[in-house]
Amino acid sequence: MRCPTLKDLPEPPNGKRGWPWTEESVPLPPPRSDGQPWPCLSVITPSFNQGRFLEATLRSVLLQGYPNLEYFVLDGGSTDNSVEILQKYSPWLSYWVSEPDGGQSAAINRGLHMSSGLYATWINSDDMLYKNALVEHGTRIGFAKNTVYVGKCFYTDVTGRVVTLHEGRVHSLEDLLRIKTIWRSGGHIVQPEVLFPLELVLELGGLNADKHFTMDYELWGKLFLAGASFQYTNIPFAMFRMHSSQKTHDGWRITQSLLSTATKVVTLADCLAEETKNEILAELEAYKRDYWNNHWRRSGRLARIGLPPAIVVRLRKLRTSLQRLRSA
């Protein structure tokens, strides 16, 4: 599919201006300068009840100006206005569906297996591709075999206003596993800023459908283990929207998932010396202990003054029971 233009798409809602409402990417000519067609790129959007953001996501992908794009939207049976939006943009979608699914990772896997692109990515329905992202990448970087491309990502507030620019620092498997000093110190990879080789990801089994918090982190680990190279492109590629209903606010559960995934990757990393693996495992355990202690102290007044967890939990249960009796 050749990307549509602003004239092709529905008029934006009243008051919506700028990218991706009244602006579009500079379109690429259908053939490359050597006369060959542009390689097919696949984009997948998993979604569930994100109607307030979904239209911006769709337009940010469709208005990329790329000559050979396929776009799949897998909605998990939303009960808001998502289906109405998808119907409005259906002429320009390669495929869309709205029905109960097995969660975000399962939906993305379904999209990956439907895809035929040389490279692929997924863009969650509260995030966006940046203006000219695919055009800039196609003309300046290209598509080398077994290479994972990492661009820049803008963090935005709930309205889409840019707050800060993120650039990752993960260049090796060891970097990925250094949770405290790299991943959790601003060096992490933001998922929508990545383009990955579709065939290799499918060979590796796609995403772990049982992972709901750190499926992208586990995928980067599998790609490093498979020998893929990670190349930083310096291209503004995506926009990550921060808002209160994101699952990324569930800090302790995410940290548990992150550390268990990192531990699993360490055990599989034959490329690392045993001494290095043991050092990393010790770092992960120490980080988990420190994070839990800080998390516990922030959980309430009794924890903050130093009472043991067993006593605090009993007192909290007792308080809950008394409150129920009073309200009965």
C-alpha atoms as a PDB file:
ATOM      1  CA  MET A   1       0.000   0.000   0.000  1.00  0.00           C
ATOM      2  CA  ARG A   2       1.175   3.476  -0.838  1.00  0.00           C
ATOM      3  CA  CYS A   3       0.550   5.822   2.090  1.00  0.00           C
ATOM      4  CA  PRO A   4      -2.440   8.152   1.636  1.00  0.00           C
ATOM      5  CA  THR A   5      -2.139  11.935   1.762  1.00  0.00           C
ATOM      6  CA  LEU A   6      -3.925  14.496   3.890  1.00  0.00           C
ATOM      7  CA  LYS A   7      -6.428  15.001   1.062  1.00  0.00           C
ATOM      8  CA  ASP A   8      -7.279  11.294   1.090  1.00  0.00           C
ATOM      9  CA  LEU A   9      -7.935  10.961   4.828  1.00  0.00           C
ATOM     10  CA  PRO A  10     -10.979  12.197   6.782  1.00  0.00           C
ATOM     11  CA  GLU A  11     -10.909  15.751   8.071  1.00  0.00           C
ATOM     12  CA  PRO A  12      -9.338  16.015  11.535  1.00  0.00           C
ATOM     13  CA  PRO A  13     -11.574  16.785  14.522  1.00  0.00           C
ATOM     14  CA  ASN A  14     -12.196  20.440  15.276  1.00  0.00           C
ATOM     15  CA  GLY A  15      -9.242  22.161  16.925  1.00  0.00           C
ATOM     16  CA  LYS A  16      -6.681  19.505  15.988  1.00  0.00           C
ATOM     17  CA  ARG A  17      -3.640  21.067  14.326  1.00  0.00           C
ATOM     18  CA  GLY A  18      -0.079  20.066  13.453  1.00  0.00           C
ATOM     19  CA  TRP A  19       1.232  16.529  13.168  1.00  0.00           C
ATOM     20  CA  PRO A  20      -0.572  14.237  12.368  1.00  0.00           C
ATOM     21  CA  TRP A  21      -3.732  16.317  11.854  1.00  0.00           C
ATOM     22  CA  THR A  22      -2.907  19.054   9.365  1.00  0.00           C
ATOM     23  CA  GLU A  23       0.674  18.063   8.477  1.00  0.00           C
ATOM     24  CA  GLU A  24       2.017  15.108   6.501  1.00  0.00           C
ATOM     25  CA  SER A  25       5.397  13.574   5.737  1.00  0.00           C
ATOM     26  CA  VAL A  26       7.238  14.359   2.513  1.00  0.00           C
ATOM     27  CA  PRO A  27       6.258  11.440   0.230  1.00  0.00           C
ATOM     28  CA  LEU A  28       8.898   9.218  -1.331  1.00  0.00           C
ATOM     29  CA  PRO A  29       8.712   8.469  -5.076  1.00  0.00           C
ATOM     30  CA  PRO A  30       7.499   4.892  -5.770  1.00  0.00           C
ATOM     31  CA  PRO A  31      10.855   3.543  -7.050  1.00  0.00           C
ATOM     32  CA  ARG A  32      14.198   4.110  -5.364  1.00  0.00           C
ATOM     33  CA  SER A  33      16.946   5.992  -7.170  1.00  0.00           C
ATOM     34  CA  ASP A  34      18.252   2.655  -8.516  1.00  0.00           C
ATOM     35  CA  GLY A  35      14.850   1.860  -9.996  1.00  0.00           C
ATOM     36  CA  GLN A  36      14.089  -0.867  -7.446  1.00  0.00           C
ATOM     37  CA  PRO A  37      10.910  -0.792  -5.350  1.00  0.00           C
ATOM     38  CA  TRP A  38      11.071   0.256  -1.717  1.00  0.00           C
ATOM     39  CA  PRO A  39      11.055  -2.760   0.624  1.00  0.00           C
ATOM     40  CA  CYS A  40       7.756  -3.475   2.323  1.00  0.00           C
ATOM     41  CA  LEU A  41       7.489  -2.294   5.936  1.00  0.00           C
ATOM     42  CA  SER A  42       4.899  -3.644   8.369  1.00  0.00           C
ATOM     43  CA  VAL A  43       3.369  -1.716  11.266  1.00  0.00           C
ATOM     44  CA  ILE A  44       1.100  -3.288  13.890  1.00  0.00           C
ATOM     45  CA  THR A  45      -1.071  -1.460  16.401  1.00  0.00           C
ATOM     46  CA  PRO A  46      -2.563  -3.402  19.313  1.00  0.00           C
ATOM     47  CA  SER A  47      -5.352  -1.517  21.034  1.00  0.00           C
ATOM     48  CA  PHE A  48      -7.999  -1.719  23.722  1.00  0.00           C
ATOM     49  CA  ASN A  49     -10.254   1.145  24.798  1.00  0.00           C
ATOM     50  CA  GLN A  50      -7.824   3.843  23.637  1.00  0.00           C
ATOM     51  CA  GLY A  51     -10.308   5.737  21.523  1.00  0.00           C
ATOM     52  CA  ARG A  52      -9.160   9.123  22.772  1.00  0.00           C
ATOM     53  CA  PHE A  53      -5.675   8.514  21.291  1.00  0.00           C
ATOM     54  CA  LEU A  54      -6.280   5.958  18.523  1.00  0.00           C
ATOM     55  CA  GLU A  55      -7.022   8.349  15.665  1.00  0.00           C
ATOM     56  CA  ALA A  56      -3.745  10.211  16.176  1.00  0.00           C
ATOM     57  CA  THR A  57      -1.878   6.892  16.134  1.00  0.00           C
ATOM     58  CA  LEU A  58      -3.535   5.790  12.894  1.00  0.00           C
ATOM     59  CA  ARG A  59      -2.848   9.077  11.142  1.00  0.00           C
ATOM     60  CA  SER A  60       0.783   9.137  12.307  1.00  0.00           C
ATOM     61  CA  VAL A  61       1.335   5.810  10.518  1.00  0.00           C
ATOM     62  CA  LEU A  62      -0.793   6.447   7.441  1.00  0.00           C
ATOM     63  CA  LEU A  63       0.746   9.884   6.773  1.00  0.00           C
ATOM     64  CA  GLN A  64       4.325   8.587   6.649  1.00  0.00           C
ATOM     65  CA  GLY A  65       4.548   9.056   2.874  1.00  0.00           C
ATOM     66  CA  TYR A  66       6.189   5.637   2.475  1.00  0.00           C
ATOM     67  CA  PRO A  67       5.441   3.882  -0.863  1.00  0.00           C
ATOM     68  CA  ASN A  68       5.220   0.289   0.390  1.00  0.00           C
ATOM     69  CA  LEU A  69       3.562   0.011   3.802  1.00  0.00           C
ATOM     70  CA  GLU A  70       1.185  -2.496   5.346  1.00  0.00           C
ATOM     71  CA  TYR A  71      -0.700  -1.593   8.512  1.00  0.00           C
ATOM     72  CA  PHE A  72      -2.542  -3.993  10.819  1.00  0.00           C
ATOM     73  CA  VAL A  73      -4.699  -2.895  13.756  1.00  0.00           C
ATOM     74  CA  LEU A  74      -5.683  -5.555  16.311  1.00  0.00           C
ATOM     75  CA  ASP A  75      -8.278  -4.229  18.745  1.00  0.00           C
ATOM     76  CA  GLY A  76      -9.180  -6.410  21.724  1.00  0.00           C
ATOM     77  CA  GLY A  77     -12.924  -5.747  21.604  1.00  0.00           C
ATOM     78  CA  SER A  78     -13.039  -2.139  22.778  1.00  0.00           C
ATOM     79  CA  THR A  79     -16.260  -0.755  24.240  1.00  0.00           C
ATOM     80  CA  ASP A  80     -15.432   2.925  23.648  1.00  0.00           C
ATOM     81  CA  ASN A  81     -15.413   4.724  20.273  1.00  0.00           C
ATOM     82  CA  SER A  82     -12.434   2.746  18.893  1.00  0.00           C
ATOM     83  CA  VAL A  83     -14.483   0.701  16.399  1.00  0.00           C
ATOM     84  CA  GLU A  84     -16.067   3.862  15.002  1.00  0.00           C
ATOM     85  CA  ILE A  85     -12.592   5.306  14.414  1.00  0.00           C
ATOM     86  CA  LEU A  86     -11.326   2.098  12.823  1.00  0.00           C
ATOM     87  CA  GLN A  87     -14.306   1.986  10.475  1.00  0.00           C
ATOM     88  CA  LYS A  88     -13.592   5.578   9.431  1.00  0.00           C
ATOM     89  CA  TYR A  89      -9.994   4.710   8.487  1.00  0.00           C
ATOM     90  CA  SER A  90     -10.628   1.163   7.249  1.00  0.00           C
ATOM     91  CA  PRO A  91     -10.065   1.975   3.526  1.00  0.00           C
ATOM     92  CA  TRP A  92      -6.391   2.640   4.294  1.00  0.00           C
ATOM     93  CA  LEU A  93      -5.755  -0.243   6.713  1.00  0.00           C
ATOM     94  CA  SER A  94      -4.361  -3.542   5.445  1.00  0.00           C
ATOM     95  CA  TYR A  95      -6.427  -5.345   8.075  1.00  0.00           C
ATOM     96  CA  TRP A  96      -8.267  -4.546  11.264  1.00  0.00           C
ATOM     97  CA  VAL A  97     -10.400  -6.455  13.727  1.00  0.00           C
ATOM     98  CA  SER A  98     -12.108  -5.766  17.037  1.00  0.00           C
ATOM     99  CA  GLU A  99     -12.669  -8.886  19.105  1.00  0.00           C
ATOM    100  CA  PRO A 100     -11.487 -10.359  22.418  1.00  0.00           C
ATOM    101  CA  ASP A 101      -7.897 -11.575  22.252  1.00  0.00           C
ATOM    102  CA  GLY A 102      -5.182 -12.965  24.496  1.00  0.00           C
ATOM    103  CA  GLY A 103      -3.759  -9.573  25.408  1.00  0.00           C
ATOM    104  CA  GLN A 104      -1.317  -7.125  23.895  1.00  0.00           C
ATOM    105  CA  SER A 105       1.527  -9.572  23.180  1.00  0.00           C
ATOM    106  CA  ALA A 106      -0.812 -12.104  21.566  1.00  0.00           C
ATOM    107  CA  ALA A 107      -2.323  -9.369  19.397  1.00  0.00           C
ATOM    108  CA  ILE A 108       1.101  -8.197  18.251  1.00  0.00           C
ATOM    109  CA  ASN A 109       2.123 -11.761  17.442  1.00  0.00           C
ATOM    110  CA  ARG A 110      -1.011 -12.160  15.350  1.00  0.00           C
ATOM    111  CA  GLY A 111      -0.082  -9.036  13.429  1.00  0.00           C
ATOM    112  CA  LEU A 112       3.510 -10.192  12.965  1.00  0.00           C
ATOM    113  CA  HIS A 113       2.352 -13.501  11.478  1.00  0.00           C
ATOM    114  CA  MET A 114       0.072 -11.642   9.063  1.00  0.00           C
ATOM    115  CA  SER A 115       2.880  -9.337   7.963  1.00  0.00           C
ATOM    116  CA  SER A 116       5.079  -9.693   4.893  1.00  0.00           C
ATOM    117  CA  GLY A 117       7.436  -6.748   5.375  1.00  0.00           C
ATOM    118  CA  LEU A 118      11.204  -6.883   5.350  1.00  0.00           C
ATOM    119  CA  TYR A 119      11.145  -4.851   8.558  1.00  0.00           C
ATOM    120  CA  ALA A 120       8.421  -4.306  11.130  1.00  0.00           C
ATOM    121  CA  THR A 121       7.494  -2.514  14.317  1.00  0.00           C
ATOM    122  CA  TRP A 122       4.473  -2.077  16.545  1.00  0.00           C
ATOM    123  CA  ILE A 123       3.038   1.237  17.672  1.00  0.00           C
ATOM    124  CA  ASN A 124       0.701   1.129  20.652  1.00  0.00           C
ATOM    125  CA  SER A 125      -2.557   3.007  20.282  1.00  0.00           C
ATOM    126  CA  ASP A 126      -1.497   5.813  22.616  1.00  0.00           C
ATOM    127  CA  ASP A 127       1.835   6.416  20.825  1.00  0.00           C
ATOM    128  CA  MET A 128       2.722   7.803  17.394  1.00  0.00           C
ATOM    129  CA  LEU A 129       5.317   7.607  14.667  1.00  0.00           C
ATOM    130  CA  TYR A 130       7.184  10.876  14.212  1.00  0.00           C
ATOM    131  CA  LYS A 131       6.699  12.938  11.066  1.00  0.00           C
ATOM    132  CA  ASN A 132       8.951  11.688   8.196  1.00  0.00           C
ATOM    133  CA  ALA A 133      10.220   8.770  10.333  1.00  0.00           C
ATOM    134  CA  LEU A 134      10.015   6.101   7.610  1.00  0.00           C
ATOM    135  CA  VAL A 135      11.057   8.499   4.844  1.00  0.00           C
ATOM    136  CA  GLU A 136      14.148   9.575   6.781  1.00  0.00           C
ATOM    137  CA  HIS A 137      15.050   6.008   7.652  1.00  0.00           C
ATOM    138  CA  GLY A 138      14.550   4.681   4.135  1.00  0.00           C
ATOM    139  CA  THR A 139      16.606   7.395   2.438  1.00  0.00           C
ATOM    140  CA  ARG A 140      19.377   7.849   5.019  1.00  0.00           C
ATOM    141  CA  ILE A 141      19.844   4.421   6.625  1.00  0.00           C
ATOM    142  CA  GLY A 142      18.425   1.600   4.520  1.00  0.00           C
ATOM    143  CA  PHE A 143      17.750  -1.969   5.614  1.00  0.00           C
ATOM    144  CA  ALA A 144      20.693  -4.267   6.329  1.00  0.00           C
ATOM    145  CA  LYS A 145      20.216  -7.931   7.132  1.00  0.00           C
ATOM    146  CA  ASN A 146      19.738  -8.926  10.804  1.00  0.00           C
ATOM    147  CA  THR A 147      20.068  -5.350  12.031  1.00  0.00           C
ATOM    148  CA  VAL A 148      17.811  -3.787  14.648  1.00  0.00           C
ATOM    149  CA  TYR A 149      17.477  -0.054  14.087  1.00  0.00           C
ATOM    150  CA  VAL A 150      16.951   2.256  17.060  1.00  0.00           C
ATOM    151  CA  GLY A 151      15.925   5.856  16.481  1.00  0.00           C
ATOM    152  CA  LYS A 152      15.109   8.688  18.845  1.00  0.00           C
ATOM    153  CA  CYS A 153      11.855   8.922  20.769  1.00  0.00           C
ATOM    154  CA  PHE A 154      10.056  11.991  22.059  1.00  0.00           C
ATOM    155  CA  TYR A 155       8.197  11.668  25.338  1.00  0.00           C
ATOM    156  CA  THR A 156       4.970  13.691  25.250  1.00  0.00           C
ATOM    157  CA  ASP A 157       2.302  14.593  27.758  1.00  0.00           C
ATOM    158  CA  VAL A 158      -1.301  13.426  27.444  1.00  0.00           C
ATOM    159  CA  THR A 159      -2.055  16.183  24.910  1.00  0.00           C
ATOM    160  CA  GLY A 160       0.855  15.233  22.652  1.00  0.00           C
ATOM    161  CA  ARG A 161       3.056  18.151  23.686  1.00  0.00           C
ATOM    162  CA  VAL A 162       6.740  17.162  23.619  1.00  0.00           C
ATOM    163  CA  VAL A 163       8.282  16.947  27.092  1.00  0.00           C
ATOM    164  CA  THR A 164      11.720  15.472  26.437  1.00  0.00           C
ATOM    165  CA  LEU A 165      13.812  13.593  23.881  1.00  0.00           C
ATOM    166  CA  HIS A 166      15.081  10.096  24.661  1.00  0.00           C
ATOM    167  CA  GLU A 167      18.174   8.389  23.226  1.00  0.00           C
ATOM    168  CA  GLY A 168      19.060   4.845  24.287  1.00  0.00           C
ATOM    169  CA  ARG A 169      22.478   3.548  25.291  1.00  0.00           C
ATOM    170  CA  VAL A 170      22.068  -0.211  24.841  1.00  0.00           C
ATOM    171  CA  HIS A 171      24.749  -1.302  22.374  1.00  0.00           C
ATOM    172  CA  SER A 172      25.400  -4.869  23.530  1.00  0.00           C
ATOM    173  CA  LEU A 173      23.799  -7.744  25.389  1.00  0.00           C
ATOM    174  CA  GLU A 174      25.751  -6.812  28.506  1.00  0.00           C
ATOM    175  CA  ASP A 175      24.411  -3.247  28.271  1.00  0.00           C
ATOM    176  CA  LEU A 176      20.881  -4.647  28.098  1.00  0.00           C
ATOM    177  CA  LEU A 177      21.443  -6.666  31.268  1.00  0.00           C
ATOM    178  CA  ARG A 178      22.886  -3.798  33.303  1.00  0.00           C
ATOM    179  CA  ILE A 179      19.515  -2.818  34.721  1.00  0.00           C
ATOM    180  CA  LYS A 180      20.665  -0.371  37.379  1.00  0.00           C
ATOM    181  CA  THR A 181      23.480   1.404  35.551  1.00  0.00           C
ATOM    182  CA  ILE A 182      22.075   1.524  32.003  1.00  0.00           C
ATOM    183  CA  TRP A 183      18.461   0.376  31.525  1.00  0.00           C
ATOM    184  CA  ARG A 184      17.043   2.146  34.579  1.00  0.00           C
ATOM    185  CA  SER A 185      19.477   5.067  34.278  1.00  0.00           C
ATOM    186  CA  GLY A 186      17.981   6.535  31.120  1.00  0.00           C
ATOM    187  CA  GLY A 187      19.708   4.213  28.656  1.00  0.00           C
ATOM    188  CA  HIS A 188      16.724   1.940  27.949  1.00  0.00           C
ATOM    189  CA  ILE A 189      15.270   1.297  24.511  1.00  0.00           C
ATOM    190  CA  VAL A 190      11.792   2.750  24.034  1.00  0.00           C
ATOM    191  CA  GLN A 191       9.817   0.193  22.048  1.00  0.00           C
ATOM    192  CA  PRO A 192       8.216   2.449  19.373  1.00  0.00           C
ATOM    193  CA  GLU A 193      11.615   3.854  18.342  1.00  0.00           C
ATOM    194  CA  VAL A 194      12.657   0.453  16.939  1.00  0.00           C
ATOM    195  CA  LEU A 195      12.508  -1.179  13.491  1.00  0.00           C
ATOM    196  CA  PHE A 196      13.366  -4.881  13.529  1.00  0.00           C
ATOM    197  CA  PRO A 197      13.891  -7.581  10.872  1.00  0.00           C
ATOM    198  CA  LEU A 198      10.565  -9.411  10.650  1.00  0.00           C
ATOM    199  CA  GLU A 199      11.869 -12.769   9.438  1.00  0.00           C
ATOM    200  CA  LEU A 200      14.374 -13.046  12.275  1.00  0.00           C
ATOM    201  CA  VAL A 201      11.797 -12.099  14.913  1.00  0.00           C
ATOM    202  CA  LEU A 202       9.411 -14.745  13.582  1.00  0.00           C
ATOM    203  CA  GLU A 203      12.213 -17.325  13.600  1.00  0.00           C
ATOM    204  CA  LEU A 204      12.746 -16.481  17.274  1.00  0.00           C
ATOM    205  CA  GLY A 205       9.078 -17.095  18.039  1.00  0.00           C
ATOM    206  CA  GLY A 206       7.917 -13.478  18.163  1.00  0.00           C
ATOM    207  CA  LEU A 207       6.875 -12.072  21.520  1.00  0.00           C
ATOM    208  CA  ASN A 208       6.365 -14.100  24.671  1.00  0.00           C
ATOM    209  CA  ALA A 209       2.562 -14.019  24.917  1.00  0.00           C
ATOM    210  CA  ASP A 210       2.785 -14.669  28.672  1.00  0.00           C
ATOM    211  CA  LYS A 211       4.672 -11.393  29.165  1.00  0.00           C
ATOM    212  CA  HIS A 212       2.473  -8.335  29.573  1.00  0.00           C
ATOM    213  CA  PHE A 213       4.998  -5.818  30.927  1.00  0.00           C
ATOM    214  CA  THR A 214       8.432  -6.609  29.470  1.00  0.00           C
ATOM    215  CA  MET A 215       7.764  -8.473  26.234  1.00  0.00           C
ATOM    216  CA  ASP A 216       9.787  -5.901  24.291  1.00  0.00           C
ATOM    217  CA  TYR A 217      12.777  -6.208  26.657  1.00  0.00           C
ATOM    218  CA  GLU A 218      12.717  -9.989  26.262  1.00  0.00           C
ATOM    219  CA  LEU A 219      12.588  -9.603  22.473  1.00  0.00           C
ATOM    220  CA  TRP A 220      15.684  -7.374  22.480  1.00  0.00           C
ATOM    221  CA  GLY A 221      17.427 -10.044  24.559  1.00  0.00           C
ATOM    222  CA  LYS A 222      16.491 -12.788  22.099  1.00  0.00           C
ATOM    223  CA  LEU A 223      17.715 -10.676  19.192  1.00  0.00           C
ATOM    224  CA  PHE A 224      21.065 -10.029  20.872  1.00  0.00           C
ATOM    225  CA  LEU A 225      21.408 -13.751  21.653  1.00  0.00           C
ATOM    226  CA  ALA A 226      20.666 -14.533  17.993  1.00  0.00           C
ATOM    227  CA  GLY A 227      23.565 -12.318  16.897  1.00  0.00           C
ATOM    228  CA  ALA A 228      21.594  -9.327  15.602  1.00  0.00           C
ATOM    229  CA  SER A 229      23.389  -5.994  15.618  1.00  0.00           C
ATOM    230  CA  PHE A 230      21.745  -2.886  17.069  1.00  0.00           C
ATOM    231  CA  GLN A 231      22.339   0.306  15.099  1.00  0.00           C
ATOM    232  CA  TYR A 232      21.420   3.755  16.390  1.00  0.00           C
ATOM    233  CA  THR A 233      20.166   5.902  13.526  1.00  0.00           C
ATOM    234  CA  ASN A 234      19.911   9.332  15.204  1.00  0.00           C
ATOM    235  CA  ILE A 235      16.545   9.752  13.438  1.00  0.00           C
ATOM    236  CA  PRO A 236      13.526  11.101  15.375  1.00  0.00           C
ATOM    237  CA  PHE A 237      11.286   8.086  14.967  1.00  0.00           C
ATOM    238  CA  ALA A 238       8.475   7.904  17.522  1.00  0.00           C
ATOM    239  CA  MET A 239       6.443   9.714  20.168  1.00  0.00           C
ATOM    240  CA  PHE A 240       5.687   7.983  23.476  1.00  0.00           C
ATOM    241  CA  ARG A 241       2.654   9.451  25.214  1.00  0.00           C
ATOM    242  CA  MET A 242       2.712   9.565  29.025  1.00  0.00           C
ATOM    243  CA  HIS A 243      -0.650   9.382  30.810  1.00  0.00           C
ATOM    244  CA  SER A 244      -2.103   8.121  34.079  1.00  0.00           C
ATOM    245  CA  SER A 245      -3.788   4.947  32.783  1.00  0.00           C
ATOM    246  CA  GLN A 246      -0.606   3.372  31.369  1.00  0.00           C
ATOM    247  CA  LYS A 247       0.442   0.001  32.724  1.00  0.00           C
ATOM    248  CA  THR A 248       3.958   1.432  33.042  1.00  0.00           C
ATOM    249  CA  HIS A 249       2.805   3.026  36.299  1.00  0.00           C
ATOM    250  CA  ASP A 250       2.700  -0.418  37.986  1.00  0.00           C
ATOM    251  CA  GLY A 251       6.312  -0.108  39.100  1.00  0.00           C
ATOM    252  CA  TRP A 252       6.849  -3.151  41.320  1.00  0.00           C
ATOM    253  CA  ARG A 253       5.199  -5.671  38.982  1.00  0.00           C
ATOM    254  CA  ILE A 254       7.104  -4.258  36.022  1.00  0.00           C
ATOM    255  CA  THR A 255      10.372  -4.428  37.959  1.00  0.00           C
ATOM    256  CA  GLN A 256       9.730  -8.038  38.956  1.00  0.00           C
ATOM    257  CA  SER A 257       9.022  -8.950  35.331  1.00  0.00           C
ATOM    258  CA  LEU A 258      12.063  -7.020  34.097  1.00  0.00           C
ATOM    259  CA  LEU A 259      14.451  -8.670  36.556  1.00  0.00           C
ATOM    260  CA  SER A 260      13.117 -12.184  35.991  1.00  0.00           C
ATOM    261  CA  THR A 261      13.449 -11.676  32.226  1.00  0.00           C
ATOM    262  CA  ALA A 262      16.990 -10.329  32.588  1.00  0.00           C
ATOM    263  CA  THR A 263      17.928 -13.301  34.774  1.00  0.00           C
ATOM    264  CA  LYS A 264      16.570 -15.685  32.144  1.00  0.00           C
ATOM    265  CA  VAL A 265      18.580 -13.958  29.399  1.00  0.00           C
ATOM    266  CA  VAL A 266      21.772 -14.119  31.512  1.00  0.00           C
ATOM    267  CA  THR A 267      21.439 -17.903  31.877  1.00  0.00           C
ATOM    268  CA  LEU A 268      21.171 -18.223  28.083  1.00  0.00           C
ATOM    269  CA  ALA A 269      24.076 -15.880  27.306  1.00  0.00           C
ATOM    270  CA  ASP A 270      26.898 -18.250  26.339  1.00  0.00           C
ATOM    271  CA  CYS A 271      28.701 -15.258  24.852  1.00  0.00           C
ATOM    272  CA  LEU A 272      29.340 -13.862  28.345  1.00  0.00           C
ATOM    273  CA  ALA A 273      32.119 -15.113  30.619  1.00  0.00           C
ATOM    274  CA  GLU A 274      30.970 -16.916  33.770  1.00  0.00           C
ATOM    275  CA  GLU A 275      32.525 -14.222  35.918  1.00  0.00           C
ATOM    276  CA  THR A 276      30.540 -11.547  34.091  1.00  0.00           C
ATOM    277  CA  LYS A 277      27.320 -13.557  34.314  1.00  0.00           C
ATOM    278  CA  ASN A 278      27.748 -14.049  38.067  1.00  0.00           C
ATOM    279  CA  GLU A 279      28.461 -10.346  38.514  1.00  0.00           C
ATOM    280  CA  ILE A 280      25.330  -9.393  36.599  1.00  0.00           C
ATOM    281  CA  LEU A 281      23.177 -11.872  38.524  1.00  0.00           C
ATOM    282  CA  ALA A 282      24.434 -10.410  41.796  1.00  0.00           C
ATOM    283  CA  GLU A 283      23.626  -6.894  40.535  1.00  0.00           C
ATOM    284  CA  LEU A 284      20.114  -7.956  39.574  1.00  0.00           C
ATOM    285  CA  GLU A 285      19.476  -9.504  42.983  1.00  0.00           C
ATOM    286  CA  ALA A 286      20.791  -6.425  44.789  1.00  0.00           C
ATOM    287  CA  TYR A 287      18.678  -4.132  42.609  1.00  0.00           C
ATOM    288  CA  LYS A 288      15.566  -6.211  43.336  1.00  0.00           C
ATOM    289  CA  ARG A 289      16.211  -6.068  47.073  1.00  0.00           C
ATOM    290  CA  ASP A 290      16.842  -2.314  47.061  1.00  0.00           C
ATOM    291  CA  TYR A 291      13.832  -1.602  44.862  1.00  0.00           C
ATOM    292  CA  TRP A 292      11.534  -3.665  47.077  1.00  0.00           C
ATOM    293  CA  ASN A 293      12.778  -1.961  50.228  1.00  0.00           C
ATOM    294  CA  ASN A 294      12.144   1.485  48.724  1.00  0.00           C
ATOM    295  CA  HIS A 295       8.791   0.374  47.337  1.00  0.00           C
ATOM    296  CA  TRP A 296       7.744  -1.005  50.731  1.00  0.00           C
ATOM    297  CA  ARG A 297       8.747   2.122  52.622  1.00  0.00           C
ATOM    298  CA  ARG A 298       6.598   4.196  50.276  1.00  0.00           C
ATOM    299  CA  SER A 299       3.560   1.939  50.761  1.00  0.00           C
ATOM    300  CA  GLY A 300       2.294   3.618  53.957  1.00  0.00           C
ATOM    301  CA  ARG A 301       3.029   5.194  57.328  1.00  0.00           C
ATOM    302  CA  LEU A 302       3.550   1.911  59.227  1.00  0.00           C
ATOM    303  CA  ALA A 303       6.042   0.643  56.648  1.00  0.00           C
ATOM    304  CA  ARG A 304       7.785   4.006  56.612  1.00  0.00           C
ATOM    305  CA  ILE A 305       8.468   3.928  60.380  1.00  0.00           C
ATOM    306  CA  GLY A 306      10.086   0.507  60.058  1.00  0.00           C
ATOM    307  CA  LEU A 307       7.523  -2.045  61.276  1.00  0.00           C
ATOM    308  CA  PRO A 308       8.138  -5.533  59.830  1.00  0.00           C
ATOM    309  CA  PRO A 309       6.033  -6.427  56.757  1.00  0.00           C
ATOM    310  CA  ALA A 310       4.310  -9.345  58.530  1.00  0.00           C
ATOM    311  CA  ILE A 311       2.951  -7.022  61.229  1.00  0.00           C
ATOM    312  CA  VAL A 312       2.005  -4.267  58.783  1.00  0.00           C
ATOM    313  CA  VAL A 313       0.101  -6.693  56.553  1.00  0.00           C
ATOM    314  CA  ARG A 314      -1.874  -8.042  59.547  1.00  0.00           C
ATOM    315  CA  LEU A 315      -2.724  -4.545  60.732  1.00  0.00           C
ATOM    316  CA  ARG A 316      -3.834  -3.526  57.232  1.00  0.00           C
ATOM    317  CA  LYS A 317      -6.081  -6.587  56.956  1.00  0.00           C
ATOM    318  CA  LEU A 318      -7.563  -5.825  60.380  1.00  0.00           C
ATOM    319  CA  ARG A 319      -8.241  -2.215  59.369  1.00  0.00           C
ATOM    320  CA  THR A 320      -9.944  -3.369  56.146  1.00  0.00           C
ATOM    321  CA  SER A 321     -12.142  -5.817  58.092  1.00  0.00           C
ATOM    322  CA  LEU A 322     -13.172  -3.089  60.565  1.00  0.00           C
ATOM    323  CA  GLN A 323     -14.031  -0.724  57.730  1.00  0.00           C
ATOM    324  CA  ARG A 324     -16.252  -3.383  56.132  1.00  0.00           C
ATOM    325  CA  LEU A 325     -18.049  -4.002  59.447  1.00  0.00           C
ATOM    326  CA  ARG A 326     -18.707  -0.294  59.875  1.00  0.00           C
ATOM    327  CA  SER A 327     -20.116   0.053  56.390  1.00  0.00           C
ATOM    328  CA  ALA A 328     -22.283  -3.100  56.642  1.00  0.00           C
END
